[in-house]
Amino acid sequence: MNRLLILIGKIIVGVLRLLGRNAGNLPGIILWHLTKGRCCKMFHTDCPIIAVTGTNGKTSVTNCIAQLFEQSGKKIIINKEGNNLDTGICSLLLRHCDGSGKVDADYLILETDESHVPVVYSQLKLETLVVLNFFRDQLDRNGEMETLIQKINGFCKTFEGNLILNGDDPNTARLGRANPENKKVKYFHAKPYAFATDKIFEASEGRFCPFCGEPLEYEYYQYSHIGRFRCKKCGFGDYEPYVTAEDIDLEKPVFTADGHEYTPKLNSIYNIYNMTAVASAAKLYGIDQSVTDSVINNYTINNGRMESFMLKDRHTTLNLAKNPVGANMTLRVMNEMKGEKELLFVLNDNVADGLDVSWIWDINFSIFERVTRVVTSGTRAYDIAVRIKCSGYDPEKIVVRPDLDEAVEELARTEGRKFVIANYTAVQPTRSALKRYITKHGGEHSEEN
């Protein structure tokens, strides 16, 4: 029966490829129905599996960890296209297995949706789980964040493999206590950077100890609820970091991790945490330091993540933000840059975004600094305009242009530094609109440095 299912899956993959499709999810969906939700159970994977999960940063960290092994001469399989549900991972394995379902690789490195960690790894044996952070995201799909954490916590209660956890996120760090018998729990940590605060200015989910209910005490906040915390009653937060990022200077940018200096291309505290997670994985697997240097120092992001465009001579940065924390992080990067700037915010409410856009009220637009004008666009252009107005921003400086091409034209009409925030289904149409402007008026498209 297993061979027949594999054959059916491979035929579907072949047909889709003949039709010019990438077969990223549909074969897995069909096999999911045929196997009654056990589609990943069909495969034989003798190689170690490393999974990366969390609300933000999964794609970057997964790609970087894959590069660590690729540059070390290992044969790896990765879901680079980002199909991170069980059906997407099933489709990936179909493309790389033989007729019996055996997968040939040195390592499987899989970005995995938070809600699907227990689903996938009840069927595939996981060696290492990297957990980056937990924030409210797509409430109409995931539900409240606590529900999601409890799912993964339930999985971790019996997990005996390596756990690499963000020790500065109490929602992530709590997983380290799920299985008291697991001695392979490791935490990464970052010392405060120049814009860390002693008070919280953004929506937060990590205010109380998950074990005794006492308010957590923070030494500092990096962003949202990410920072150095401790429960004075039960000691939650007392741990020895496996890797610590320190001497963080985002102007250069540069940071030190485990006593080694890195010079990443992306200058945000958000990226420092991602790269510290990568450094932790490199340390765990004994990756040569020269390879780790190469990956961390040269990793750049495209495809709408801190992506750089020149609209004529207007330097423009586009970033995906699918939840309040992602938007707040872009606003922080924008605010931390000197001089005046303008913002285009593109908000859609398609099914993949989550139909509920109430999350925009958790974005802290009151932290605007030297933002001289805002353009809004997308299917919910007026909603985001109202939200920004209600933050106290001058409504005379808000321009609504639901049509994307008109919005980009409006943004580029004035001189100066530009930032663009777009949510999930908006980011690719926005990239296309920016490229069309460049074709029509001049400029260039390159990655952010």
Protein backbone atom coordinates (compact mmCIF):
# COMPACT_ATOMS: atom_id res chain seq x y z
CA MET A 1 0.00 0.00 0.00
CA ASN A 2 2.82 2.39 0.89
CA ARG A 3 4.52 1.90 -2.49
CA LEU A 4 1.22 2.53 -4.26
CA LEU A 5 0.70 5.81 -2.40
CA ILE A 6 4.27 6.91 -3.20
CA LEU A 7 3.67 6.05 -6.89
CA ILE A 8 0.44 8.06 -6.91
CA GLY A 9 2.22 10.99 -5.31
CA LYS A 10 5.11 10.89 -7.77
CA ILE A 11 2.71 10.78 -10.72
CA ILE A 12 0.95 13.87 -9.36
CA VAL A 13 4.31 15.63 -8.95
CA GLY A 14 5.28 14.71 -12.51
CA VAL A 15 2.01 15.95 -13.99
CA LEU A 16 2.21 19.23 -12.10
CA ARG A 17 5.77 19.82 -13.29
CA LEU A 18 4.72 19.14 -16.88
CA LEU A 19 2.11 21.84 -16.36
CA GLY A 20 4.76 24.24 -15.12
CA ARG A 21 3.71 24.02 -11.46
CA ASN A 22 6.21 23.49 -8.63
CA ALA A 23 4.20 20.77 -6.85
CA GLY A 24 4.82 22.45 -3.53
CA ASN A 25 1.63 21.52 -1.70
CA LEU A 26 -1.05 19.81 -3.83
CA PRO A 27 0.51 16.29 -3.88
CA GLY A 28 0.72 16.39 -0.10
CA ILE A 29 -2.89 17.54 0.20
CA ILE A 30 -4.08 14.60 -1.93
CA LEU A 31 -1.98 12.09 0.03
CA TRP A 32 -3.12 13.65 3.29
CA HIS A 33 -6.69 12.71 2.38
CA LEU A 34 -5.69 9.24 1.18
CA THR A 35 -3.76 8.53 4.40
CA LYS A 36 -6.28 10.20 6.72
CA GLY A 37 -3.80 12.83 7.86
CA ARG A 38 -0.73 10.58 8.15
CA CYS A 39 0.97 11.56 4.90
CA CYS A 40 4.47 12.01 6.39
CA LYS A 41 4.37 8.51 7.91
CA MET A 42 5.04 7.00 4.46
CA PHE A 43 8.68 8.09 4.34
CA HIS A 44 11.84 6.46 5.68
CA THR A 45 14.35 9.06 6.87
CA ASP A 46 17.54 7.64 8.38
CA CYS A 47 19.27 11.02 8.41
CA PRO A 48 19.01 13.57 11.23
CA ILE A 49 16.15 16.07 10.97
CA ILE A 50 16.54 19.67 12.12
CA ALA A 51 13.35 21.71 12.36
CA VAL A 52 12.97 25.47 12.81
CA THR A 53 9.75 26.97 14.10
CA GLY A 54 8.40 30.15 15.65
CA THR A 55 6.25 33.09 14.60
CA ASN A 56 8.91 35.23 12.94
CA GLY A 57 12.26 34.40 11.34
CA LYS A 58 11.72 30.74 10.39
CA THR A 59 12.66 31.16 6.75
CA SER A 60 15.88 33.07 7.40
CA VAL A 61 17.13 30.73 10.12
CA THR A 62 16.21 27.59 8.18
CA ASN A 63 18.06 28.83 5.09
CA CYS A 64 21.12 29.80 7.12
CA ILE A 65 21.31 26.45 8.92
CA ALA A 66 20.99 24.73 5.54
CA GLN A 67 23.90 26.81 4.25
CA LEU A 68 26.01 25.72 7.24
CA PHE A 69 25.71 22.11 6.15
CA GLU A 70 25.85 22.77 2.40
CA GLN A 71 29.11 24.68 2.79
CA SER A 72 30.39 21.82 4.97
CA GLY A 73 29.90 19.46 2.02
CA LYS A 74 26.74 17.74 3.24
CA LYS A 75 23.78 16.68 1.13
CA ILE A 76 20.74 18.40 2.54
CA ILE A 77 17.04 18.61 1.73
CA ILE A 78 15.23 21.83 2.64
CA ASN A 79 11.77 23.24 2.00
CA LYS A 80 13.22 26.45 0.62
CA GLU A 81 9.91 27.39 -0.97
CA GLY A 82 8.44 27.69 2.52
CA ASN A 83 5.75 24.99 2.27
CA ASN A 84 5.94 24.34 5.99
CA LEU A 85 2.70 22.49 6.80
CA ASP A 86 2.56 18.69 6.91
CA THR A 87 1.21 18.63 3.35
CA GLY A 88 4.04 20.82 2.07
CA ILE A 89 6.69 18.71 3.81
CA CYS A 90 5.05 15.58 2.37
CA SER A 91 5.26 17.08 -1.13
CA LEU A 92 8.93 17.90 -0.54
CA LEU A 93 9.78 14.37 0.55
CA LEU A 94 7.87 12.91 -2.41
CA ARG A 95 10.23 14.75 -4.74
CA HIS A 96 13.30 13.32 -2.97
CA CYS A 97 12.38 9.73 -2.15
CA ASP A 98 12.67 6.47 -4.07
CA GLY A 99 9.78 4.13 -4.87
CA SER A 100 9.76 2.70 -1.35
CA GLY A 101 9.66 6.13 0.32
CA LYS A 102 13.34 6.15 1.39
CA VAL A 103 14.83 9.65 1.50
CA ASP A 104 18.53 9.95 0.69
CA ALA A 105 20.24 12.90 2.40
CA ASP A 106 22.76 13.69 5.11
CA TYR A 107 20.34 16.09 6.81
CA LEU A 108 16.73 17.17 6.46
CA ILE A 109 16.39 20.84 7.44
CA LEU A 110 12.74 21.82 7.61
CA GLU A 111 10.98 25.09 8.28
CA THR A 112 7.88 23.97 10.16
CA ASP A 113 4.71 25.86 10.96
CA GLU A 114 4.26 26.18 14.72
CA SER A 115 0.91 24.41 14.80
CA HIS A 116 2.27 21.52 12.71
CA VAL A 117 5.32 20.64 14.81
CA PRO A 118 3.41 17.99 16.81
CA VAL A 119 1.71 16.71 13.64
CA VAL A 120 4.83 16.27 11.49
CA TYR A 121 7.18 15.00 14.19
CA SER A 122 4.80 12.42 15.51
CA GLN A 123 5.43 10.83 12.09
CA LEU A 124 9.10 11.69 11.47
CA LYS A 125 11.89 11.30 14.04
CA LEU A 126 13.22 14.74 14.94
CA GLU A 127 16.78 15.26 16.19
CA THR A 128 16.85 19.03 16.81
CA LEU A 129 14.11 21.62 17.23
CA VAL A 130 14.98 25.33 17.05
CA VAL A 131 12.27 27.60 18.48
CA LEU A 132 12.68 31.31 17.78
CA ASN A 133 9.75 33.19 19.31
CA PHE A 134 6.00 33.24 19.81
CA PHE A 135 3.79 36.22 18.99
CA ARG A 136 0.11 36.65 18.21
CA ASP A 137 -0.33 35.79 14.55
CA GLN A 138 -3.31 34.94 12.33
CA LEU A 139 -5.76 34.49 15.18
CA ASP A 140 -8.51 33.19 12.91
CA ARG A 141 -6.22 30.29 11.90
CA ASN A 142 -4.03 29.68 14.94
CA GLY A 143 -6.25 30.88 17.76
CA GLU A 144 -4.78 32.55 20.82
CA MET A 145 -1.04 32.20 21.25
CA GLU A 146 -1.36 30.18 24.47
CA THR A 147 -3.24 27.48 22.56
CA LEU A 148 -0.36 27.23 20.09
CA ILE A 149 2.30 27.11 22.80
CA GLN A 150 0.44 24.35 24.62
CA LYS A 151 0.46 22.23 21.46
CA ILE A 152 4.24 22.45 21.14
CA ASN A 153 4.70 22.11 24.89
CA GLY A 154 2.77 18.85 24.73
CA PHE A 155 5.14 17.61 22.04
CA CYS A 156 8.19 18.70 24.05
CA LYS A 157 7.00 16.71 27.10
CA THR A 158 8.12 13.51 25.39
CA PHE A 159 10.80 14.97 23.09
CA GLU A 160 14.30 13.81 24.00
CA GLY A 161 16.27 15.51 21.23
CA ASN A 162 18.10 18.83 21.09
CA LEU A 163 16.05 21.93 21.93
CA ILE A 164 17.55 25.28 20.92
CA LEU A 165 15.37 27.97 22.50
CA ASN A 166 15.28 31.75 22.51
CA GLY A 167 16.00 32.31 26.19
CA ASP A 168 14.87 35.94 25.97
CA ASP A 169 11.31 34.99 25.05
CA PRO A 170 9.46 33.61 28.09
CA ASN A 171 6.93 31.97 25.78
CA THR A 172 9.75 30.02 24.13
CA ALA A 173 12.00 29.48 27.14
CA ARG A 174 9.16 27.76 29.03
CA LEU A 175 9.45 24.81 26.64
CA GLY A 176 12.77 23.98 28.29
CA ARG A 177 10.87 22.79 31.35
CA ALA A 178 8.38 20.62 29.45
CA ASN A 179 10.46 17.45 29.82
CA PRO A 180 12.60 17.55 32.99
CA GLU A 181 14.42 14.43 31.77
CA ASN A 182 15.69 16.12 28.60
CA LYS A 183 19.26 17.28 29.25
CA LYS A 184 19.72 18.59 25.71
CA VAL A 185 18.02 21.97 26.19
CA LYS A 186 20.09 24.99 25.11
CA TYR A 187 19.21 28.69 25.26
CA PHE A 188 20.49 31.57 23.16
CA HIS A 189 20.50 35.10 24.55
CA ALA A 190 21.36 38.66 23.52
CA LYS A 191 22.67 41.44 25.73
CA PRO A 192 20.98 44.84 25.35
CA TYR A 193 21.56 46.87 22.20
CA ALA A 194 21.53 50.67 21.97
CA PHE A 195 17.75 50.98 21.66
CA ALA A 196 16.78 48.48 24.37
CA THR A 197 14.38 49.96 26.94
CA ASP A 198 13.47 49.44 30.58
CA LYS A 199 9.77 49.75 29.77
CA ILE A 200 7.61 48.00 27.21
CA PHE A 201 6.13 50.09 24.38
CA GLU A 202 4.49 47.39 22.28
CA ALA A 203 1.84 44.69 22.59
CA SER A 204 3.19 41.90 24.77
CA GLU A 205 2.23 38.35 25.66
CA GLY A 206 5.04 37.57 28.11
CA ARG A 207 4.17 39.54 31.22
CA PHE A 208 3.45 36.74 33.68
CA CYS A 209 5.32 33.63 34.74
CA PRO A 210 3.71 30.59 33.07
CA PHE A 211 4.56 28.44 36.10
CA CYS A 212 3.51 30.47 39.13
CA GLY A 213 1.59 33.40 37.65
CA GLU A 214 3.76 36.13 39.16
CA PRO A 215 4.59 39.20 37.03
CA LEU A 216 7.93 38.75 35.29
CA GLU A 217 10.62 41.29 36.06
CA TYR A 218 12.62 42.54 33.09
CA GLU A 219 16.14 43.87 33.21
CA TYR A 220 15.54 45.26 29.70
CA TYR A 221 13.30 44.88 26.64
CA GLN A 222 14.81 44.50 23.17
CA TYR A 223 11.44 44.57 21.36
CA SER A 224 7.93 43.44 22.29
CA HIS A 225 8.34 40.97 25.19
CA ILE A 226 11.81 39.86 24.05
CA GLY A 227 14.44 40.71 26.65
CA ARG A 228 16.17 39.61 29.83
CA PHE A 229 13.48 38.46 32.28
CA ARG A 230 13.19 36.62 35.57
CA CYS A 231 10.46 35.45 37.93
CA LYS A 232 11.56 36.39 41.44
CA LYS A 233 9.20 33.83 42.98
CA CYS A 234 10.12 30.60 41.16
CA GLY A 235 13.32 31.56 39.34
CA PHE A 236 11.98 31.05 35.82
CA GLY A 237 14.47 32.77 33.54
CA ASP A 238 17.56 31.63 35.44
CA TYR A 239 19.55 29.64 32.92
CA GLU A 240 23.07 29.44 31.56
CA PRO A 241 23.07 30.67 27.93
CA TYR A 242 24.57 28.32 25.38
CA VAL A 243 25.42 31.22 23.05
CA THR A 244 25.24 34.93 23.92
CA ALA A 245 25.19 37.83 21.46
CA GLU A 246 26.92 40.90 22.87
CA ASP A 247 28.77 44.06 21.82
CA ILE A 248 25.88 44.67 19.43
CA ASP A 249 26.39 47.72 17.22
CA LEU A 250 23.75 48.08 14.52
CA GLU A 251 25.39 51.15 13.01
CA LYS A 252 28.27 49.08 11.61
CA PRO A 253 26.64 46.41 12.03
CA VAL A 254 28.63 44.02 14.22
CA PHE A 255 28.09 41.68 17.15
CA THR A 256 29.97 39.04 19.11
CA ALA A 257 28.63 35.55 19.79
CA ASP A 258 30.43 32.96 21.85
CA GLY A 259 33.49 35.20 21.79
CA HIS A 260 33.60 35.49 18.00
CA GLU A 261 32.88 38.67 16.05
CA TYR A 262 30.40 38.72 13.16
CA THR A 263 29.57 41.45 10.66
CA PRO A 264 26.07 40.67 9.29
CA LYS A 265 24.62 42.54 6.36
CA LEU A 266 21.27 43.22 8.04
CA ASN A 267 21.22 45.79 10.83
CA SER A 268 18.28 44.96 13.10
CA ILE A 269 18.06 43.44 16.57
CA TYR A 270 15.57 41.01 15.05
CA ASN A 271 18.30 39.72 12.72
CA ILE A 272 20.82 39.51 15.59
CA TYR A 273 18.52 37.04 17.35
CA ASN A 274 18.11 35.03 14.15
CA MET A 275 21.85 34.85 13.61
CA THR A 276 22.46 33.91 17.25
CA ALA A 277 20.11 30.96 16.72
CA VAL A 278 22.20 30.02 13.66
CA ALA A 279 25.42 30.32 15.68
CA SER A 280 23.88 28.02 18.31
CA ALA A 281 23.09 25.36 15.70
CA ALA A 282 26.60 25.71 14.27
CA LYS A 283 28.11 25.18 17.72
CA LEU A 284 25.90 22.18 18.44
CA TYR A 285 26.91 20.44 15.21
CA GLY A 286 30.60 21.41 15.33
CA ILE A 287 30.51 23.47 12.13
CA ASP A 288 33.90 24.91 11.19
CA GLN A 289 34.16 28.55 12.28
CA SER A 290 35.10 29.72 8.78
CA VAL A 291 31.83 28.28 7.45
CA THR A 292 29.81 29.92 10.23
CA ASP A 293 31.53 33.23 9.46
CA SER A 294 30.69 32.91 5.78
CA VAL A 295 27.01 32.16 6.42
CA ILE A 296 26.32 34.78 9.09
CA ASN A 297 28.39 37.55 7.50
CA ASN A 298 27.01 37.11 3.99
CA TYR A 299 23.37 36.18 4.49
CA THR A 300 21.02 38.62 2.81
CA ILE A 301 17.27 38.47 2.41
CA ASN A 302 15.28 39.00 -0.73
CA ASN A 303 11.66 38.36 -1.63
CA GLY A 304 10.18 41.21 0.37
CA ARG A 305 12.22 40.91 3.55
CA MET A 306 14.29 44.08 4.08
CA GLU A 307 14.61 44.25 0.32
CA SER A 308 16.13 47.34 -1.23
CA PHE A 309 14.87 49.33 -4.23
CA MET A 310 15.85 52.66 -5.77
CA LEU A 311 12.82 54.55 -7.08
CA LYS A 312 14.81 56.93 -9.25
CA ASP A 313 17.12 58.25 -6.51
CA ARG A 314 14.77 57.43 -3.60
CA HIS A 315 16.23 54.66 -1.43
CA THR A 316 13.30 52.38 -0.54
CA THR A 317 13.19 49.39 1.82
CA LEU A 318 10.37 46.83 1.58
CA ASN A 319 9.62 44.49 4.47
CA LEU A 320 7.00 41.82 5.05
CA ALA A 321 4.97 42.21 8.26
CA LYS A 322 2.26 39.64 8.88
CA ASN A 323 1.64 40.44 12.54
CA PRO A 324 2.06 43.35 15.00
CA VAL A 325 5.60 42.42 16.02
CA GLY A 326 6.80 42.27 12.41
CA ALA A 327 5.32 45.70 11.75
CA ASN A 328 6.72 47.14 14.99
CA MET A 329 10.19 45.82 14.13
CA THR A 330 10.10 47.58 10.75
CA LEU A 331 8.99 50.78 12.46
CA ARG A 332 11.90 50.42 14.88
CA VAL A 333 14.40 50.01 12.04
CA MET A 334 12.83 53.02 10.33
CA ASN A 335 12.94 55.13 13.48
CA GLU A 336 16.52 54.19 14.28
CA MET A 337 17.68 55.58 10.94
CA LYS A 338 18.57 59.25 11.00
CA GLY A 339 16.76 61.86 8.95
CA GLU A 340 13.24 62.20 7.64
CA LYS A 341 11.42 59.39 5.89
CA GLU A 342 8.06 58.39 4.43
CA LEU A 343 6.08 55.17 4.80
CA LEU A 344 3.84 53.14 2.49
CA PHE A 345 1.72 50.55 4.35
CA VAL A 346 -0.03 47.94 2.17
CA LEU A 347 -2.67 45.88 3.99
CA ASN A 348 -4.70 43.01 2.52
CA ASP A 349 -7.29 40.77 4.15
CA ASN A 350 -7.18 37.71 1.89
CA VAL A 351 -7.61 34.20 3.30
CA ALA A 352 -3.85 33.61 3.57
CA ASP A 353 -3.48 36.84 5.56
CA GLY A 354 -6.22 36.00 8.01
CA LEU A 355 -9.54 37.73 7.44
CA ASP A 356 -9.34 39.40 10.84
CA VAL A 357 -7.15 42.52 10.57
CA SER A 358 -7.77 43.69 14.14
CA TRP A 359 -4.07 42.97 14.77
CA ILE A 360 -3.23 46.37 13.29
CA TRP A 361 -4.44 47.92 16.55
CA ASP A 362 -1.50 46.26 18.31
CA ILE A 363 0.99 48.13 16.09
CA ASN A 364 2.56 51.03 17.96
CA PHE A 365 2.43 53.87 15.45
CA SER A 366 2.89 56.38 18.27
CA ILE A 367 6.64 55.67 18.13
CA PHE A 368 6.90 57.41 14.73
CA GLU A 369 10.00 59.58 14.57
CA ARG A 370 10.65 61.99 11.70
CA VAL A 371 7.96 60.33 9.53
CA THR A 372 6.77 63.18 7.32
CA ARG A 373 4.09 61.36 5.30
CA VAL A 374 2.22 58.04 5.14
CA VAL A 375 0.62 56.41 2.08
CA THR A 376 -1.77 53.48 2.58
CA SER A 377 -2.86 50.89 0.05
CA GLY A 378 -4.29 47.38 -0.36
CA THR A 379 -7.74 45.92 0.13
CA ARG A 380 -7.88 47.46 3.62
CA ALA A 381 -6.16 50.75 2.79
CA TYR A 382 -8.74 52.81 4.66
CA ASP A 383 -8.58 50.61 7.77
CA ILE A 384 -4.83 51.08 8.18
CA ALA A 385 -5.22 54.81 7.47
CA VAL A 386 -7.79 55.11 10.26
CA ARG A 387 -5.55 53.12 12.61
CA ILE A 388 -2.60 55.45 11.98
CA LYS A 389 -4.81 58.51 12.40
CA CYS A 390 -6.08 57.18 15.74
CA SER A 391 -2.50 56.86 16.99
CA GLY A 392 -2.33 60.66 16.95
CA TYR A 393 -0.60 61.04 13.60
CA ASP A 394 -1.62 64.12 11.61
CA PRO A 395 -4.39 62.98 9.18
CA GLU A 396 -3.34 65.72 6.75
CA LYS A 397 -0.14 63.72 6.19
CA ILE A 398 -1.97 60.46 5.32
CA VAL A 399 -2.71 59.70 1.65
CA VAL A 400 -4.94 56.73 0.75
CA ARG A 401 -4.31 55.04 -2.60
CA PRO A 402 -5.96 51.58 -2.77
CA ASP A 403 -4.42 50.94 -6.19
CA LEU A 404 -0.81 49.75 -5.68
CA ASP A 405 0.71 51.40 -8.73
CA GLU A 406 -0.88 54.71 -7.77
CA ALA A 407 0.37 54.24 -4.21
CA VAL A 408 3.97 53.70 -5.37
CA GLU A 409 3.74 56.70 -7.69
CA GLU A 410 2.48 58.76 -4.74
CA LEU A 411 5.26 57.52 -2.45
CA ALA A 412 7.97 58.33 -4.98
CA ARG A 413 6.52 61.74 -5.82
CA THR A 414 8.60 63.40 -3.10
CA GLU A 415 12.30 63.14 -2.33
CA GLY A 416 13.84 61.33 0.63
CA ARG A 417 14.11 57.93 2.33
CA LYS A 418 11.19 55.54 1.87
CA PHE A 419 9.96 52.48 3.77
CA VAL A 420 7.28 50.03 2.67
CA ILE A 421 5.46 47.59 4.94
CA ALA A 422 3.29 44.93 3.28
CA ASN A 423 1.48 41.98 4.81
CA TYR A 424 1.53 38.42 3.50
CA THR A 425 -0.47 38.48 0.25
CA ALA A 426 0.45 42.11 -0.34
CA VAL A 427 4.21 41.70 -0.42
CA GLN A 428 4.59 40.11 -3.87
CA PRO A 429 2.17 42.51 -5.62
CA THR A 430 4.02 45.37 -3.90
CA ARG A 431 7.39 44.07 -5.14
CA SER A 432 5.93 43.93 -8.65
CA ALA A 433 4.56 47.48 -8.38
CA LEU A 434 7.97 48.76 -7.24
CA LYS A 435 9.65 47.02 -10.16
CA ARG A 436 7.11 48.46 -12.60
CA TYR A 437 7.85 51.93 -11.30
CA ILE A 438 11.58 51.35 -11.85
CA THR A 439 10.95 50.13 -15.40
CA LYS A 440 8.85 53.20 -16.14
CA HIS A 441 10.78 55.93 -14.31
CA GLY A 442 14.25 54.53 -13.63
CA GLY A 443 16.10 53.28 -10.58
CA GLU A 444 17.40 49.90 -9.55
CA HIS A 445 16.60 46.82 -7.48
CA SER A 446 19.14 45.21 -5.16
CA GLU A 447 19.37 43.55 -1.75
CA GLU A 448 19.63 45.55 1.47
CA ASN A 449 23.16 45.99 2.81
